[in-house]
Amino acid sequence: MLKQKFIEALVAEDVGRGDLFSRISESVDIRAYVVAKSDGVFGGREYIEVLAQMYGLALMWDVKDGSAFHKGDKLFYVSGDSKRLLSLERSILDMALHASSIATLTAQYVKAIEGTGVKLLDTRKTRPLLREFEKYAVRCGGGLNHRMGLDDCLMLKDTHLKTIDDLDVFMAEVRQKIPFTAKVEIECETLEMAQKAMKAGADIVMCDNMSLEEIEEVVAYRDAHYPHILLEASGNVTLDTISDIAATGVDAISSGSIIHQANWIDLSMRVE
């Protein structure tokens, strides 16, 4: 249902009060294909399939979500009424382009830490009203989603901590009020704060903008005293730094860059 509402809004934005070409053209059955004009990792199939079902188009796929492709590859075919297909061309391409671009960059980050056992996570730094779609694209690239919103995990950031006088007392109250299955993550900028968060009962401790040496100190303390607590590193994560961060021994690395720094790849639709 959420995908359908998203697609309806996407199409309405582009088609507006009606495709002008449809007013002056005759309907014929056509088949088109989407071709890659650059290398990448594909994303968007789940959404394109819903669109096709909604608007009576037929699809034939040569890729799956998460499949690597190369320049010149024909990724999928779409057929149906010419008026309908051509009015939906941009909507189909935009979903494929957006999701595949995020998936492509995410896959590069995942490859950089391959074999370490460290998980790559996204963040809530998503474009307004596109969170579900962009986080889906991250999964297409092999990454994992962090929390989807404020309701599925309690994260205490520096701004929250400024309002808390006694973290131990606060955490005791938290456990009585949030869902039993919800985790608590505390953002920490120093070893001292990380130690305090672990003692207070955090499920996850985030090493925020720490140096590699500081992260290693937190990892060593966790391993010695609270081995059940998960450690996440965040801040200044790039393709150049992520492997060094993974080597510190954290369980996960989160980065907003895999979404907001993804450059659009090049795809095109052509009618046979």
C-alpha atoms as a PDB file:
ATOM      1  CA  MET A   1       0.000   0.000   0.000  1.00  0.00           C
ATOM      2  CA  LEU A   2       2.815   2.434   0.823  1.00  0.00           C
ATOM      3  CA  LYS A   3       4.517   1.678  -2.487  1.00  0.00           C
ATOM      4  CA  GLN A   4       1.260   2.319  -4.355  1.00  0.00           C
ATOM      5  CA  LYS A   5       0.742   5.698  -2.682  1.00  0.00           C
ATOM      6  CA  PHE A   6       4.323   6.651  -3.423  1.00  0.00           C
ATOM      7  CA  ILE A   7       3.977   5.690  -7.086  1.00  0.00           C
ATOM      8  CA  GLU A   8       0.642   7.482  -7.435  1.00  0.00           C
ATOM      9  CA  ALA A   9       2.229  10.683  -6.126  1.00  0.00           C
ATOM     10  CA  LEU A  10       5.283  10.217  -8.357  1.00  0.00           C
ATOM     11  CA  VAL A  11       3.171   9.783 -11.484  1.00  0.00           C
ATOM     12  CA  ALA A  12       0.815  12.637 -10.556  1.00  0.00           C
ATOM     13  CA  GLU A  13       3.774  14.975 -10.162  1.00  0.00           C
ATOM     14  CA  ASP A  14       4.927  14.275 -13.723  1.00  0.00           C
ATOM     15  CA  VAL A  15       1.683  13.712 -15.615  1.00  0.00           C
ATOM     16  CA  GLY A  16      -0.198  16.562 -13.968  1.00  0.00           C
ATOM     17  CA  ARG A  17      -3.566  17.130 -15.681  1.00  0.00           C
ATOM     18  CA  GLY A  18      -2.659  14.792 -18.527  1.00  0.00           C
ATOM     19  CA  ASP A  19       0.150  13.976 -20.932  1.00  0.00           C
ATOM     20  CA  LEU A  20      -0.193  16.326 -23.892  1.00  0.00           C
ATOM     21  CA  PHE A  21       1.308  13.749 -26.253  1.00  0.00           C
ATOM     22  CA  SER A  22      -1.548  11.372 -25.390  1.00  0.00           C
ATOM     23  CA  ARG A  23      -4.075  13.939 -26.650  1.00  0.00           C
ATOM     24  CA  ILE A  24      -2.742  13.929 -30.172  1.00  0.00           C
ATOM     25  CA  SER A  25      -1.404  10.400 -30.638  1.00  0.00           C
ATOM     26  CA  GLU A  26      -2.970   7.055 -31.458  1.00  0.00           C
ATOM     27  CA  SER A  27      -2.588   4.085 -29.138  1.00  0.00           C
ATOM     28  CA  VAL A  28      -0.393   1.260 -30.390  1.00  0.00           C
ATOM     29  CA  ASP A  29       1.243  -1.663 -28.621  1.00  0.00           C
ATOM     30  CA  ILE A  30       4.965  -1.064 -28.122  1.00  0.00           C
ATOM     31  CA  ARG A  31       7.899  -2.605 -26.324  1.00  0.00           C
ATOM     32  CA  ALA A  32      10.753  -0.607 -24.865  1.00  0.00           C
ATOM     33  CA  TYR A  33      13.868  -1.489 -22.937  1.00  0.00           C
ATOM     34  CA  VAL A  34      16.067   0.238 -20.390  1.00  0.00           C
ATOM     35  CA  VAL A  35      19.759   0.196 -21.240  1.00  0.00           C
ATOM     36  CA  ALA A  36      22.704   0.998 -18.999  1.00  0.00           C
ATOM     37  CA  LYS A  37      24.972   3.767 -20.196  1.00  0.00           C
ATOM     38  CA  SER A  38      27.341   3.288 -17.243  1.00  0.00           C
ATOM     39  CA  ASP A  39      28.291   0.501 -14.815  1.00  0.00           C
ATOM     40  CA  GLY A  40      26.398   0.048 -11.579  1.00  0.00           C
ATOM     41  CA  VAL A  41      24.309  -2.037  -9.189  1.00  0.00           C
ATOM     42  CA  PHE A  42      20.594  -2.223  -9.870  1.00  0.00           C
ATOM     43  CA  GLY A  43      17.801  -1.101  -7.579  1.00  0.00           C
ATOM     44  CA  GLY A  44      14.161  -0.274  -8.119  1.00  0.00           C
ATOM     45  CA  ARG A  45      12.667  -3.546  -9.345  1.00  0.00           C
ATOM     46  CA  GLU A  46      10.230  -3.888  -6.430  1.00  0.00           C
ATOM     47  CA  TYR A  47       8.760  -0.468  -7.138  1.00  0.00           C
ATOM     48  CA  ILE A  48       8.747  -0.772 -10.922  1.00  0.00           C
ATOM     49  CA  GLU A  49       6.860  -4.056 -10.639  1.00  0.00           C
ATOM     50  CA  VAL A  50       4.176  -2.364  -8.547  1.00  0.00           C
ATOM     51  CA  LEU A  51       3.928   0.479 -11.083  1.00  0.00           C
ATOM     52  CA  ALA A  52       3.561  -1.978 -13.957  1.00  0.00           C
ATOM     53  CA  GLN A  53       0.790  -3.812 -12.152  1.00  0.00           C
ATOM     54  CA  MET A  54      -1.009  -0.565 -11.354  1.00  0.00           C
ATOM     55  CA  TYR A  55      -0.920   0.719 -14.928  1.00  0.00           C
ATOM     56  CA  GLY A  56      -1.254  -2.467 -16.951  1.00  0.00           C
ATOM     57  CA  LEU A  57       2.276  -2.796 -18.306  1.00  0.00           C
ATOM     58  CA  ALA A  58       4.190  -6.043 -18.857  1.00  0.00           C
ATOM     59  CA  LEU A  59       7.786  -6.500 -17.730  1.00  0.00           C
ATOM     60  CA  MET A  60      10.592  -8.865 -18.643  1.00  0.00           C
ATOM     61  CA  TRP A  61      13.662  -8.685 -16.426  1.00  0.00           C
ATOM     62  CA  ASP A  62      17.323  -9.374 -17.044  1.00  0.00           C
ATOM     63  CA  VAL A  63      18.418  -8.014 -13.626  1.00  0.00           C
ATOM     64  CA  LYS A  64      17.421  -8.383 -10.001  1.00  0.00           C
ATOM     65  CA  ASP A  65      17.724  -5.859  -7.212  1.00  0.00           C
ATOM     66  CA  GLY A  66      21.362  -6.003  -6.171  1.00  0.00           C
ATOM     67  CA  SER A  67      22.622  -7.291  -9.533  1.00  0.00           C
ATOM     68  CA  ALA A  68      25.727  -5.687 -10.995  1.00  0.00           C
ATOM     69  CA  PHE A  69      25.415  -4.420 -14.569  1.00  0.00           C
ATOM     70  CA  HIS A  70      27.723  -2.925 -17.160  1.00  0.00           C
ATOM     71  CA  LYS A  71      27.499  -0.226 -19.774  1.00  0.00           C
ATOM     72  CA  GLY A  72      25.511  -1.484 -22.745  1.00  0.00           C
ATOM     73  CA  ASP A  73      23.485  -4.079 -20.810  1.00  0.00           C
ATOM     74  CA  LYS A  74      19.746  -4.204 -21.427  1.00  0.00           C
ATOM     75  CA  LEU A  75      18.310  -4.330 -17.914  1.00  0.00           C
ATOM     76  CA  PHE A  76      14.614  -4.931 -18.500  1.00  0.00           C
ATOM     77  CA  TYR A  77      11.872  -4.700 -21.094  1.00  0.00           C
ATOM     78  CA  VAL A  78       8.481  -3.050 -20.652  1.00  0.00           C
ATOM     79  CA  SER A  79       5.552  -3.352 -23.040  1.00  0.00           C
ATOM     80  CA  GLY A  80       2.005  -2.082 -23.317  1.00  0.00           C
ATOM     81  CA  ASP A  81      -0.142   0.736 -24.663  1.00  0.00           C
ATOM     82  CA  SER A  82       2.066   3.434 -26.146  1.00  0.00           C
ATOM     83  CA  LYS A  83       0.239   6.364 -24.545  1.00  0.00           C
ATOM     84  CA  ARG A  84       0.474   4.852 -21.096  1.00  0.00           C
ATOM     85  CA  LEU A  85       4.028   3.577 -21.384  1.00  0.00           C
ATOM     86  CA  LEU A  86       5.446   6.814 -22.751  1.00  0.00           C
ATOM     87  CA  SER A  87       3.685   8.894 -20.103  1.00  0.00           C
ATOM     88  CA  LEU A  88       5.274   6.677 -17.444  1.00  0.00           C
ATOM     89  CA  GLU A  89       8.759   6.599 -19.005  1.00  0.00           C
ATOM     90  CA  ARG A  90      10.265   9.238 -16.722  1.00  0.00           C
ATOM     91  CA  SER A  91       8.657   7.810 -13.587  1.00  0.00           C
ATOM     92  CA  ILE A  92      10.102   4.373 -14.360  1.00  0.00           C
ATOM     93  CA  LEU A  93      13.536   5.757 -15.151  1.00  0.00           C
ATOM     94  CA  ASP A  94      13.651   8.051 -12.134  1.00  0.00           C
ATOM     95  CA  MET A  95      12.942   5.176  -9.750  1.00  0.00           C
ATOM     96  CA  ALA A  96      15.556   2.992 -11.408  1.00  0.00           C
ATOM     97  CA  LEU A  97      18.106   5.814 -11.527  1.00  0.00           C
ATOM     98  CA  HIS A  98      17.615   6.939  -7.952  1.00  0.00           C
ATOM     99  CA  ALA A  99      17.615   3.469  -6.407  1.00  0.00           C
ATOM    100  CA  SER A 100      20.456   2.167  -8.578  1.00  0.00           C
ATOM    101  CA  SER A 101      22.648   5.176  -7.827  1.00  0.00           C
ATOM    102  CA  ILE A 102      22.324   4.649  -4.073  1.00  0.00           C
ATOM    103  CA  ALA A 103      22.754   0.893  -4.476  1.00  0.00           C
ATOM    104  CA  THR A 104      25.890   1.422  -6.559  1.00  0.00           C
ATOM    105  CA  LEU A 105      27.618   3.626  -3.979  1.00  0.00           C
ATOM    106  CA  THR A 106      26.454   1.432  -1.098  1.00  0.00           C
ATOM    107  CA  ALA A 107      27.951  -1.620  -2.798  1.00  0.00           C
ATOM    108  CA  GLN A 108      31.317   0.144  -3.015  1.00  0.00           C
ATOM    109  CA  TYR A 109      31.273   0.791   0.736  1.00  0.00           C
ATOM    110  CA  VAL A 110      30.226  -2.792   1.445  1.00  0.00           C
ATOM    111  CA  LYS A 111      33.064  -4.121  -0.713  1.00  0.00           C
ATOM    112  CA  ALA A 112      35.571  -1.944   1.156  1.00  0.00           C
ATOM    113  CA  ILE A 113      34.813  -3.783   4.424  1.00  0.00           C
ATOM    114  CA  GLU A 114      34.185  -7.215   2.912  1.00  0.00           C
ATOM    115  CA  GLY A 115      35.457 -10.023   5.108  1.00  0.00           C
ATOM    116  CA  THR A 116      35.628  -7.945   8.296  1.00  0.00           C
ATOM    117  CA  GLY A 117      32.235  -8.967   9.638  1.00  0.00           C
ATOM    118  CA  VAL A 118      31.369  -5.299  10.162  1.00  0.00           C
ATOM    119  CA  LYS A 119      27.938  -4.184   8.995  1.00  0.00           C
ATOM    120  CA  LEU A 120      27.325  -1.053   6.932  1.00  0.00           C
ATOM    121  CA  LEU A 121      24.331   0.982   8.107  1.00  0.00           C
ATOM    122  CA  ASP A 122      22.510   3.952   6.665  1.00  0.00           C
ATOM    123  CA  THR A 123      21.162   6.918   8.669  1.00  0.00           C
ATOM    124  CA  ARG A 124      18.051   9.120   8.829  1.00  0.00           C
ATOM    125  CA  LYS A 125      19.737  11.628   6.518  1.00  0.00           C
ATOM    126  CA  THR A 126      17.260  10.963   3.737  1.00  0.00           C
ATOM    127  CA  ARG A 127      15.377  13.281   1.413  1.00  0.00           C
ATOM    128  CA  PRO A 128      11.978  14.349   2.767  1.00  0.00           C
ATOM    129  CA  LEU A 129       9.259  11.748   2.053  1.00  0.00           C
ATOM    130  CA  LEU A 130      11.784   9.418   0.384  1.00  0.00           C
ATOM    131  CA  ARG A 131      13.059   7.554   3.450  1.00  0.00           C
ATOM    132  CA  GLU A 132      11.422   4.211   2.735  1.00  0.00           C
ATOM    133  CA  PHE A 133      12.535   4.298  -0.907  1.00  0.00           C
ATOM    134  CA  GLU A 134      16.108   5.394  -0.205  1.00  0.00           C
ATOM    135  CA  LYS A 135      16.571   2.874   2.588  1.00  0.00           C
ATOM    136  CA  TYR A 136      15.245   0.174   0.266  1.00  0.00           C
ATOM    137  CA  ALA A 137      17.920   1.255  -2.233  1.00  0.00           C
ATOM    138  CA  VAL A 138      20.584   0.825   0.466  1.00  0.00           C
ATOM    139  CA  ARG A 139      19.442  -2.771   0.942  1.00  0.00           C
ATOM    140  CA  CYS A 140      19.724  -3.313  -2.813  1.00  0.00           C
ATOM    141  CA  GLY A 141      23.399  -2.357  -2.489  1.00  0.00           C
ATOM    142  CA  GLY A 142      24.063  -4.777   0.353  1.00  0.00           C
ATOM    143  CA  GLY A 143      23.823  -2.337   3.254  1.00  0.00           C
ATOM    144  CA  LEU A 144      21.569  -2.602   6.296  1.00  0.00           C
ATOM    145  CA  ASN A 145      19.067  -0.103   7.577  1.00  0.00           C
ATOM    146  CA  HIS A 146      19.592   1.731  10.830  1.00  0.00           C
ATOM    147  CA  ARG A 147      16.361   2.868  12.471  1.00  0.00           C
ATOM    148  CA  MET A 148      13.586   3.887  10.099  1.00  0.00           C
ATOM    149  CA  GLY A 149      12.376   6.645  12.414  1.00  0.00           C
ATOM    150  CA  LEU A 150      12.095   7.821  15.987  1.00  0.00           C
ATOM    151  CA  ASP A 151       9.687   5.041  16.922  1.00  0.00           C
ATOM    152  CA  ASP A 152      11.747   1.874  16.440  1.00  0.00           C
ATOM    153  CA  CYS A 153      14.860   2.602  18.501  1.00  0.00           C
ATOM    154  CA  LEU A 154      15.624   5.162  21.189  1.00  0.00           C
ATOM    155  CA  MET A 155      18.822   6.980  20.328  1.00  0.00           C
ATOM    156  CA  LEU A 156      20.131   9.483  22.837  1.00  0.00           C
ATOM    157  CA  LYS A 157      22.187  12.034  20.930  1.00  0.00           C
ATOM    158  CA  ASP A 158      24.212  14.869  22.416  1.00  0.00           C
ATOM    159  CA  THR A 159      21.174  17.141  22.203  1.00  0.00           C
ATOM    160  CA  HIS A 160      19.078  14.687  24.215  1.00  0.00           C
ATOM    161  CA  LEU A 161      21.817  14.125  26.788  1.00  0.00           C
ATOM    162  CA  LYS A 162      21.913  17.872  27.512  1.00  0.00           C
ATOM    163  CA  THR A 163      18.390  17.534  28.939  1.00  0.00           C
ATOM    164  CA  ILE A 164      19.147  14.535  31.176  1.00  0.00           C
ATOM    165  CA  ASP A 165      20.491  15.207  34.682  1.00  0.00           C
ATOM    166  CA  ASP A 166      21.076  11.600  35.769  1.00  0.00           C
ATOM    167  CA  LEU A 167      21.562   9.040  32.979  1.00  0.00           C
ATOM    168  CA  ASP A 168      21.219   6.033  35.305  1.00  0.00           C
ATOM    169  CA  VAL A 169      17.869   7.222  36.646  1.00  0.00           C
ATOM    170  CA  PHE A 170      16.679   8.104  33.152  1.00  0.00           C
ATOM    171  CA  MET A 171      17.610   4.693  31.758  1.00  0.00           C
ATOM    172  CA  ALA A 172      15.764   2.907  34.565  1.00  0.00           C
ATOM    173  CA  GLU A 173      12.638   4.859  33.630  1.00  0.00           C
ATOM    174  CA  VAL A 174      13.185   4.233  29.925  1.00  0.00           C
ATOM    175  CA  ARG A 175      13.048   0.473  30.415  1.00  0.00           C
ATOM    176  CA  GLN A 176       9.586   0.825  31.972  1.00  0.00           C
ATOM    177  CA  LYS A 177       8.165   2.925  29.162  1.00  0.00           C
ATOM    178  CA  ILE A 178       9.545   1.892  25.767  1.00  0.00           C
ATOM    179  CA  PRO A 179       8.577  -1.393  24.064  1.00  0.00           C
ATOM    180  CA  PHE A 180      10.288  -4.494  25.428  1.00  0.00           C
ATOM    181  CA  THR A 181      11.898  -5.220  22.063  1.00  0.00           C
ATOM    182  CA  ALA A 182      13.155  -1.660  21.462  1.00  0.00           C
ATOM    183  CA  LYS A 183      16.866  -1.010  21.862  1.00  0.00           C
ATOM    184  CA  VAL A 184      18.563   2.023  23.363  1.00  0.00           C
ATOM    185  CA  GLU A 185      21.560   3.544  21.623  1.00  0.00           C
ATOM    186  CA  ILE A 186      23.661   6.298  23.169  1.00  0.00           C
ATOM    187  CA  GLU A 187      25.875   8.600  21.145  1.00  0.00           C
ATOM    188  CA  CYS A 188      29.299   9.137  22.732  1.00  0.00           C
ATOM    189  CA  GLU A 189      32.204  11.365  21.765  1.00  0.00           C
ATOM    190  CA  THR A 190      34.736  10.208  24.386  1.00  0.00           C
ATOM    191  CA  LEU A 191      35.840   7.016  26.108  1.00  0.00           C
ATOM    192  CA  GLU A 192      34.546   8.390  29.408  1.00  0.00           C
ATOM    193  CA  MET A 193      31.092   8.944  27.954  1.00  0.00           C
ATOM    194  CA  ALA A 194      31.100   5.483  26.373  1.00  0.00           C
ATOM    195  CA  GLN A 195      31.953   3.917  29.728  1.00  0.00           C
ATOM    196  CA  LYS A 196      29.115   5.845  31.364  1.00  0.00           C
ATOM    197  CA  ALA A 197      26.673   4.745  28.645  1.00  0.00           C
ATOM    198  CA  MET A 198      27.641   1.096  29.022  1.00  0.00           C
ATOM    199  CA  LYS A 199      27.255   1.248  32.795  1.00  0.00           C
ATOM    200  CA  ALA A 200      23.826   2.842  32.392  1.00  0.00           C
ATOM    201  CA  GLY A 201      22.640  -0.104  30.301  1.00  0.00           C
ATOM    202  CA  ALA A 202      22.831   0.971  26.673  1.00  0.00           C
ATOM    203  CA  ASP A 203      22.249  -1.763  24.113  1.00  0.00           C
ATOM    204  CA  ILE A 204      24.325   0.059  21.492  1.00  0.00           C
ATOM    205  CA  VAL A 205      27.052   2.659  21.952  1.00  0.00           C
ATOM    206  CA  MET A 206      27.883   4.931  19.059  1.00  0.00           C
ATOM    207  CA  CYS A 207      31.451   6.158  18.750  1.00  0.00           C
ATOM    208  CA  ASP A 208      30.685   9.514  17.197  1.00  0.00           C
ATOM    209  CA  ASN A 209      33.477  11.337  15.361  1.00  0.00           C
ATOM    210  CA  MET A 210      36.144   9.576  17.410  1.00  0.00           C
ATOM    211  CA  SER A 211      39.685   9.008  16.201  1.00  0.00           C
ATOM    212  CA  LEU A 212      40.752   5.461  15.379  1.00  0.00           C
ATOM    213  CA  GLU A 213      42.736   5.310  18.597  1.00  0.00           C
ATOM    214  CA  GLU A 214      39.741   6.428  20.658  1.00  0.00           C
ATOM    215  CA  ILE A 215      37.495   3.853  18.993  1.00  0.00           C
ATOM    216  CA  GLU A 216      40.039   1.120  19.745  1.00  0.00           C
ATOM    217  CA  GLU A 217      40.007   2.160  23.419  1.00  0.00           C
ATOM    218  CA  VAL A 218      36.210   1.900  23.506  1.00  0.00           C
ATOM    219  CA  VAL A 219      36.332  -1.508  21.823  1.00  0.00           C
ATOM    220  CA  ALA A 220      38.896  -2.782  24.344  1.00  0.00           C
ATOM    221  CA  TYR A 221      36.807  -1.531  27.277  1.00  0.00           C
ATOM    222  CA  ARG A 222      33.647  -3.068  25.839  1.00  0.00           C
ATOM    223  CA  ASP A 223      35.327  -6.415  25.230  1.00  0.00           C
ATOM    224  CA  ALA A 224      36.659  -6.517  28.784  1.00  0.00           C
ATOM    225  CA  HIS A 225      33.554  -5.355  30.662  1.00  0.00           C
ATOM    226  CA  TYR A 226      30.389  -5.392  28.514  1.00  0.00           C
ATOM    227  CA  PRO A 227      30.877  -7.893  25.649  1.00  0.00           C
ATOM    228  CA  HIS A 228      27.124  -8.020  24.978  1.00  0.00           C
ATOM    229  CA  ILE A 229      26.946  -4.336  23.981  1.00  0.00           C
ATOM    230  CA  LEU A 230      27.113  -3.482  20.289  1.00  0.00           C
ATOM    231  CA  LEU A 231      29.423  -0.740  19.053  1.00  0.00           C
ATOM    232  CA  GLU A 232      28.693   1.518  16.106  1.00  0.00           C
ATOM    233  CA  ALA A 233      31.125   3.996  14.586  1.00  0.00           C
ATOM    234  CA  SER A 234      29.914   7.104  12.791  1.00  0.00           C
ATOM    235  CA  GLY A 235      31.293  10.375  11.488  1.00  0.00           C
ATOM    236  CA  ASN A 236      33.841  11.120   8.764  1.00  0.00           C
ATOM    237  CA  VAL A 237      33.158   7.794   7.067  1.00  0.00           C
ATOM    238  CA  THR A 238      34.395   7.726   3.464  1.00  0.00           C
ATOM    239  CA  LEU A 239      35.564   5.074   1.043  1.00  0.00           C
ATOM    240  CA  ASP A 240      39.112   6.007   2.039  1.00  0.00           C
ATOM    241  CA  THR A 241      38.543   5.649   5.799  1.00  0.00           C
ATOM    242  CA  ILE A 242      35.952   2.916   6.204  1.00  0.00           C
ATOM    243  CA  SER A 243      38.350  -0.048   6.114  1.00  0.00           C
ATOM    244  CA  ASP A 244      40.506   1.466   8.872  1.00  0.00           C
ATOM    245  CA  ILE A 245      37.403   2.088  10.981  1.00  0.00           C
ATOM    246  CA  ALA A 246      36.253  -1.501  10.455  1.00  0.00           C
ATOM    247  CA  ALA A 247      39.652  -2.745  11.646  1.00  0.00           C
ATOM    248  CA  THR A 248      39.082  -1.214  15.107  1.00  0.00           C
ATOM    249  CA  GLY A 249      36.678  -3.997  16.059  1.00  0.00           C
ATOM    250  CA  VAL A 250      33.323  -2.200  16.011  1.00  0.00           C
ATOM    251  CA  ASP A 251      30.223  -4.141  15.027  1.00  0.00           C
ATOM    252  CA  ALA A 252      28.803  -1.633  12.559  1.00  0.00           C
ATOM    253  CA  ILE A 253      29.611   1.583  10.726  1.00  0.00           C
ATOM    254  CA  SER A 254      26.903   4.074   9.806  1.00  0.00           C
ATOM    255  CA  SER A 255      27.148   6.621   7.026  1.00  0.00           C
ATOM    256  CA  GLY A 256      24.719   9.088   5.526  1.00  0.00           C
ATOM    257  CA  SER A 257      27.024   9.455   2.541  1.00  0.00           C
ATOM    258  CA  ILE A 258      25.804   6.275   0.885  1.00  0.00           C
ATOM    259  CA  ILE A 259      22.529   8.111   0.272  1.00  0.00           C
ATOM    260  CA  HIS A 260      23.230  11.810   0.055  1.00  0.00           C
ATOM    261  CA  GLN A 261      26.551  11.530  -1.803  1.00  0.00           C
ATOM    262  CA  ALA A 262      25.349   9.054  -4.428  1.00  0.00           C
ATOM    263  CA  ASN A 263      25.866  10.407  -7.950  1.00  0.00           C
ATOM    264  CA  TRP A 264      23.285   9.436 -10.529  1.00  0.00           C
ATOM    265  CA  ILE A 265      24.315   6.742 -12.938  1.00  0.00           C
ATOM    266  CA  ASP A 266      23.164   6.805 -16.568  1.00  0.00           C
ATOM    267  CA  LEU A 267      20.167   4.783 -17.773  1.00  0.00           C
ATOM    268  CA  SER A 268      18.012   5.325 -20.831  1.00  0.00           C
ATOM    269  CA  MET A 269      14.759   3.932 -22.251  1.00  0.00           C
ATOM    270  CA  ARG A 270      14.487   3.101 -25.935  1.00  0.00           C
ATOM    271  CA  VAL A 271      11.518   1.887 -27.963  1.00  0.00           C
ATOM    272  CA  GLU A 272      12.128  -1.089 -30.234  1.00  0.00           C
END
